[in-house]
N, C-alpha and C. Protein backbone atom coordinates (compact mmCIF):
# COMPACT_ATOMS: atom_id res chain seq x y z
N UNK A 1 -4.32 -33.26 41.84
CA UNK A 1 -4.21 -33.45 40.42
C UNK A 1 -5.26 -32.64 39.68
N UNK A 2 -6.48 -32.65 40.18
CA UNK A 2 -7.55 -31.89 39.52
C UNK A 2 -7.27 -30.39 39.57
N UNK A 3 -6.69 -29.93 40.65
CA UNK A 3 -6.35 -28.51 40.78
C UNK A 3 -5.30 -28.13 39.74
N UNK A 4 -4.31 -28.99 39.55
CA UNK A 4 -3.27 -28.72 38.55
C UNK A 4 -3.87 -28.71 37.15
N UNK A 5 -4.74 -29.66 36.87
CA UNK A 5 -5.41 -29.74 35.58
C UNK A 5 -6.25 -28.50 35.34
N UNK A 6 -6.96 -28.07 36.35
CA UNK A 6 -7.78 -26.86 36.23
C UNK A 6 -6.91 -25.65 35.96
N UNK A 7 -5.76 -25.56 36.63
CA UNK A 7 -4.84 -24.42 36.43
C UNK A 7 -4.29 -24.42 35.01
N UNK A 8 -3.86 -25.59 34.52
CA UNK A 8 -3.33 -25.69 33.17
C UNK A 8 -4.42 -25.36 32.16
N UNK A 9 -5.61 -25.86 32.39
CA UNK A 9 -6.73 -25.57 31.49
C UNK A 9 -7.02 -24.08 31.45
N UNK A 10 -6.98 -23.42 32.59
CA UNK A 10 -7.18 -21.97 32.66
C UNK A 10 -6.09 -21.24 31.89
N UNK A 11 -4.86 -21.66 32.06
CA UNK A 11 -3.74 -21.01 31.36
C UNK A 11 -3.87 -21.19 29.84
N UNK A 12 -4.26 -22.37 29.43
CA UNK A 12 -4.45 -22.63 28.00
C UNK A 12 -5.58 -21.77 27.46
N UNK A 13 -6.66 -21.67 28.19
CA UNK A 13 -7.79 -20.85 27.77
C UNK A 13 -7.39 -19.39 27.64
N UNK A 14 -6.64 -18.89 28.61
CA UNK A 14 -6.17 -17.51 28.57
C UNK A 14 -5.24 -17.30 27.36
N UNK A 15 -4.33 -18.23 27.17
CA UNK A 15 -3.39 -18.14 26.04
C UNK A 15 -4.15 -18.11 24.71
N UNK A 16 -5.10 -19.02 24.55
CA UNK A 16 -5.85 -19.09 23.29
C UNK A 16 -6.68 -17.82 23.07
N UNK A 17 -7.23 -17.26 24.12
CA UNK A 17 -8.01 -16.02 24.01
C UNK A 17 -7.09 -14.87 23.61
N UNK A 18 -5.92 -14.78 24.23
CA UNK A 18 -4.97 -13.72 23.88
C UNK A 18 -4.50 -13.88 22.42
N UNK A 19 -4.28 -15.11 22.02
CA UNK A 19 -3.87 -15.37 20.64
C UNK A 19 -4.96 -14.95 19.67
N UNK A 20 -6.20 -15.26 19.99
CA UNK A 20 -7.34 -14.90 19.13
C UNK A 20 -7.46 -13.38 19.03
N UNK A 21 -7.32 -12.69 20.15
CA UNK A 21 -7.41 -11.23 20.16
C UNK A 21 -6.28 -10.63 19.33
N UNK A 22 -5.07 -11.16 19.51
CA UNK A 22 -3.91 -10.66 18.75
C UNK A 22 -4.10 -10.88 17.26
N UNK A 23 -4.57 -12.05 16.86
CA UNK A 23 -4.81 -12.34 15.44
C UNK A 23 -5.88 -11.40 14.87
N UNK A 24 -6.90 -11.12 15.66
CA UNK A 24 -7.96 -10.21 15.22
C UNK A 24 -7.41 -8.80 15.02
N UNK A 25 -6.57 -8.35 15.94
CA UNK A 25 -5.96 -7.03 15.83
C UNK A 25 -5.03 -6.95 14.62
N UNK A 26 -4.23 -8.01 14.40
CA UNK A 26 -3.33 -8.04 13.26
C UNK A 26 -4.11 -8.02 11.95
N UNK A 27 -5.21 -8.74 11.91
CA UNK A 27 -6.05 -8.77 10.70
C UNK A 27 -6.62 -7.38 10.43
N UNK A 28 -7.05 -6.70 11.48
CA UNK A 28 -7.60 -5.36 11.34
C UNK A 28 -6.54 -4.38 10.83
N UNK A 29 -5.32 -4.48 11.36
CA UNK A 29 -4.22 -3.62 10.91
C UNK A 29 -3.91 -3.89 9.44
N UNK A 30 -3.87 -5.16 9.06
CA UNK A 30 -3.59 -5.53 7.68
C UNK A 30 -4.68 -5.01 6.74
N UNK A 31 -5.92 -5.15 7.12
CA UNK A 31 -7.03 -4.66 6.29
C UNK A 31 -6.95 -3.14 6.12
N UNK A 32 -6.61 -2.43 7.19
CA UNK A 32 -6.46 -0.98 7.13
C UNK A 32 -5.32 -0.61 6.19
N UNK A 33 -4.22 -1.32 6.28
CA UNK A 33 -3.07 -1.06 5.41
C UNK A 33 -3.42 -1.32 3.95
N UNK A 34 -4.16 -2.38 3.67
CA UNK A 34 -4.58 -2.69 2.30
C UNK A 34 -5.46 -1.57 1.75
N UNK A 35 -6.43 -1.14 2.54
CA UNK A 35 -7.32 -0.06 2.10
C UNK A 35 -6.55 1.22 1.84
N UNK A 36 -5.58 1.53 2.70
CA UNK A 36 -4.77 2.74 2.52
C UNK A 36 -3.92 2.64 1.26
N UNK A 37 -3.36 1.46 1.01
CA UNK A 37 -2.54 1.27 -0.19
C UNK A 37 -3.38 1.45 -1.46
N UNK A 38 -4.57 0.89 -1.46
CA UNK A 38 -5.45 1.03 -2.62
C UNK A 38 -5.85 2.50 -2.80
N UNK A 39 -6.18 3.17 -1.71
CA UNK A 39 -6.56 4.59 -1.79
C UNK A 39 -5.40 5.43 -2.30
N UNK A 40 -4.20 5.16 -1.82
CA UNK A 40 -3.02 5.91 -2.26
C UNK A 40 -2.77 5.71 -3.75
N UNK A 41 -2.84 4.46 -4.20
CA UNK A 41 -2.63 4.21 -5.63
C UNK A 41 -3.73 4.85 -6.47
N UNK A 42 -4.96 4.82 -6.02
CA UNK A 42 -6.04 5.45 -6.76
C UNK A 42 -5.81 6.96 -6.87
N UNK A 43 -5.37 7.57 -5.78
CA UNK A 43 -5.07 9.00 -5.81
C UNK A 43 -3.92 9.29 -6.76
N UNK A 44 -2.89 8.47 -6.72
CA UNK A 44 -1.73 8.67 -7.57
C UNK A 44 -2.10 8.53 -9.04
N UNK A 45 -2.84 7.50 -9.38
CA UNK A 45 -3.26 7.29 -10.76
C UNK A 45 -4.17 8.44 -11.22
N UNK A 46 -5.08 8.86 -10.35
CA UNK A 46 -5.97 9.97 -10.69
C UNK A 46 -5.20 11.26 -10.94
N UNK A 47 -4.27 11.58 -10.04
CA UNK A 47 -3.46 12.78 -10.22
C UNK A 47 -2.60 12.69 -11.47
N UNK A 48 -2.08 11.52 -11.74
CA UNK A 48 -1.27 11.32 -12.94
C UNK A 48 -2.11 11.63 -14.18
N UNK A 49 -3.32 11.12 -14.23
CA UNK A 49 -4.21 11.37 -15.36
C UNK A 49 -4.56 12.85 -15.48
N UNK A 50 -4.83 13.49 -14.35
CA UNK A 50 -5.17 14.91 -14.34
C UNK A 50 -3.99 15.74 -14.84
N UNK A 51 -2.79 15.43 -14.37
CA UNK A 51 -1.60 16.17 -14.81
C UNK A 51 -1.31 15.93 -16.28
N UNK A 52 -1.56 14.72 -16.77
CA UNK A 52 -1.34 14.43 -18.18
C UNK A 52 -2.30 15.24 -19.06
N UNK A 53 -3.44 15.61 -18.52
CA UNK A 53 -4.40 16.45 -19.25
C UNK A 53 -4.01 17.92 -19.21
N UNK A 54 -2.94 18.23 -18.45
CA UNK A 54 -2.44 19.60 -18.43
C UNK A 54 -2.85 20.42 -17.23
N UNK A 55 -3.59 19.86 -16.33
CA UNK A 55 -3.99 20.58 -15.13
C UNK A 55 -2.82 20.62 -14.13
N UNK A 56 -2.85 21.58 -13.25
CA UNK A 56 -1.83 21.71 -12.22
C UNK A 56 -2.51 21.93 -10.88
N UNK A 57 -1.74 21.79 -9.83
CA UNK A 57 -2.26 22.08 -8.49
C UNK A 57 -2.27 23.59 -8.30
N UNK A 58 -3.19 24.10 -7.49
CA UNK A 58 -3.23 25.54 -7.23
C UNK A 58 -1.92 26.03 -6.62
N UNK A 59 -1.52 27.25 -6.99
CA UNK A 59 -0.30 27.85 -6.45
C UNK A 59 -0.38 27.94 -4.94
N UNK A 60 0.72 27.66 -4.29
CA UNK A 60 0.81 27.80 -2.84
C UNK A 60 0.16 26.70 -2.04
N UNK A 61 -0.38 25.69 -2.70
CA UNK A 61 -1.01 24.60 -1.96
C UNK A 61 0.07 23.85 -1.18
N UNK A 62 -0.20 23.62 0.09
CA UNK A 62 0.78 22.96 0.96
C UNK A 62 1.14 21.59 0.43
N UNK A 63 2.43 21.35 0.25
CA UNK A 63 2.90 20.06 -0.24
C UNK A 63 2.72 19.87 -1.73
N UNK A 64 2.22 20.89 -2.42
CA UNK A 64 1.93 20.77 -3.84
C UNK A 64 3.14 20.41 -4.68
N UNK A 65 4.29 21.01 -4.35
CA UNK A 65 5.50 20.73 -5.12
C UNK A 65 5.92 19.27 -4.95
N UNK A 66 5.84 18.77 -3.73
CA UNK A 66 6.20 17.37 -3.47
C UNK A 66 5.25 16.43 -4.20
N UNK A 67 3.97 16.77 -4.19
CA UNK A 67 2.98 15.94 -4.88
C UNK A 67 3.28 15.93 -6.37
N UNK A 68 3.55 17.10 -6.93
CA UNK A 68 3.83 17.21 -8.35
C UNK A 68 5.07 16.39 -8.72
N UNK A 69 6.12 16.47 -7.91
CA UNK A 69 7.33 15.69 -8.17
C UNK A 69 7.06 14.19 -8.09
N UNK A 70 6.32 13.78 -7.08
CA UNK A 70 6.01 12.35 -6.90
C UNK A 70 5.17 11.83 -8.06
N UNK A 71 4.18 12.61 -8.46
CA UNK A 71 3.32 12.19 -9.57
C UNK A 71 4.13 12.17 -10.86
N UNK A 72 5.02 13.15 -11.03
CA UNK A 72 5.87 13.17 -12.21
C UNK A 72 6.75 11.93 -12.29
N UNK A 73 7.32 11.55 -11.15
CA UNK A 73 8.15 10.34 -11.10
C UNK A 73 7.32 9.11 -11.45
N UNK A 74 6.13 9.03 -10.86
CA UNK A 74 5.24 7.90 -11.14
C UNK A 74 4.87 7.87 -12.62
N UNK A 75 4.59 9.03 -13.19
CA UNK A 75 4.20 9.12 -14.59
C UNK A 75 5.34 8.63 -15.50
N UNK A 76 6.58 9.04 -15.18
CA UNK A 76 7.73 8.58 -15.97
C UNK A 76 7.89 7.07 -15.87
N UNK A 77 7.72 6.54 -14.66
CA UNK A 77 7.81 5.09 -14.47
C UNK A 77 6.72 4.37 -15.25
N UNK A 78 5.52 4.91 -15.24
CA UNK A 78 4.41 4.30 -15.98
C UNK A 78 4.68 4.34 -17.48
N UNK A 79 5.20 5.48 -17.97
CA UNK A 79 5.53 5.57 -19.40
C UNK A 79 6.54 4.51 -19.79
N UNK A 80 7.54 4.33 -18.94
CA UNK A 80 8.56 3.31 -19.21
C UNK A 80 7.94 1.92 -19.13
N UNK A 81 7.11 1.69 -18.12
CA UNK A 81 6.45 0.40 -17.96
C UNK A 81 5.57 0.08 -19.15
N UNK A 82 4.88 1.09 -19.67
CA UNK A 82 3.96 0.89 -20.79
C UNK A 82 4.68 0.94 -22.14
N UNK A 83 6.02 1.09 -22.09
CA UNK A 83 6.86 1.09 -23.29
C UNK A 83 6.43 2.20 -24.26
N UNK A 84 6.20 3.39 -23.70
CA UNK A 84 5.72 4.52 -24.49
C UNK A 84 6.67 4.88 -25.63
N UNK A 85 7.97 4.74 -25.40
CA UNK A 85 8.95 5.11 -26.42
C UNK A 85 9.22 3.98 -27.41
N UNK A 86 8.62 2.83 -27.20
CA UNK A 86 8.83 1.70 -28.10
C UNK A 86 10.15 1.01 -27.83
N UNK A 87 10.58 0.20 -28.75
CA UNK A 87 11.84 -0.52 -28.59
C UNK A 87 11.64 -1.83 -27.85
N UNK A 88 12.75 -2.38 -27.38
CA UNK A 88 12.67 -3.66 -26.68
C UNK A 88 11.92 -3.48 -25.36
N UNK A 89 11.33 -4.57 -24.92
CA UNK A 89 10.49 -4.50 -23.73
C UNK A 89 10.60 -5.80 -22.96
N UNK A 90 10.86 -5.69 -21.67
CA UNK A 90 10.92 -6.85 -20.80
C UNK A 90 9.93 -6.60 -19.66
N UNK A 91 8.76 -7.18 -19.76
CA UNK A 91 7.69 -6.92 -18.81
C UNK A 91 8.13 -7.18 -17.38
N UNK A 92 8.80 -8.28 -17.15
CA UNK A 92 9.20 -8.65 -15.78
C UNK A 92 10.15 -7.61 -15.21
N UNK A 93 11.11 -7.14 -16.00
CA UNK A 93 12.05 -6.13 -15.50
C UNK A 93 11.35 -4.80 -15.25
N UNK A 94 10.44 -4.41 -16.15
CA UNK A 94 9.72 -3.15 -15.98
C UNK A 94 8.82 -3.22 -14.74
N UNK A 95 8.19 -4.35 -14.52
CA UNK A 95 7.35 -4.53 -13.34
C UNK A 95 8.20 -4.44 -12.08
N UNK A 96 9.37 -5.06 -12.11
CA UNK A 96 10.27 -5.01 -10.95
C UNK A 96 10.65 -3.58 -10.64
N UNK A 97 10.92 -2.78 -11.69
CA UNK A 97 11.26 -1.38 -11.51
C UNK A 97 10.10 -0.63 -10.87
N UNK A 98 8.88 -0.93 -11.30
CA UNK A 98 7.70 -0.24 -10.77
C UNK A 98 7.42 -0.59 -9.31
N UNK A 99 7.76 -1.78 -8.90
CA UNK A 99 7.36 -2.24 -7.58
C UNK A 99 8.46 -2.18 -6.53
N UNK A 100 9.64 -1.71 -6.91
CA UNK A 100 10.71 -1.60 -5.93
C UNK A 100 11.10 -0.18 -5.67
């Protein structure tokens, strides 16, 4: 009986340790993803502001056209979200458009 109890206790200990390690790894992955998302949004907002001031990316810069298109799309969405053209405004719908 004691041998069986010791075996079950060992299995439980191993399971709990594996669970703890997995949770720690998942937390680390989530934190990395959060930091990347914040960095990406900061870059996007910064580029949007720079482009609105009239600056452009250097000619021939790798991926520059894609960046310009993406920032342009974001800028249009922000203008719509901020109700730049005036008129009726539904914050919840505009937010949904921005986040989907």
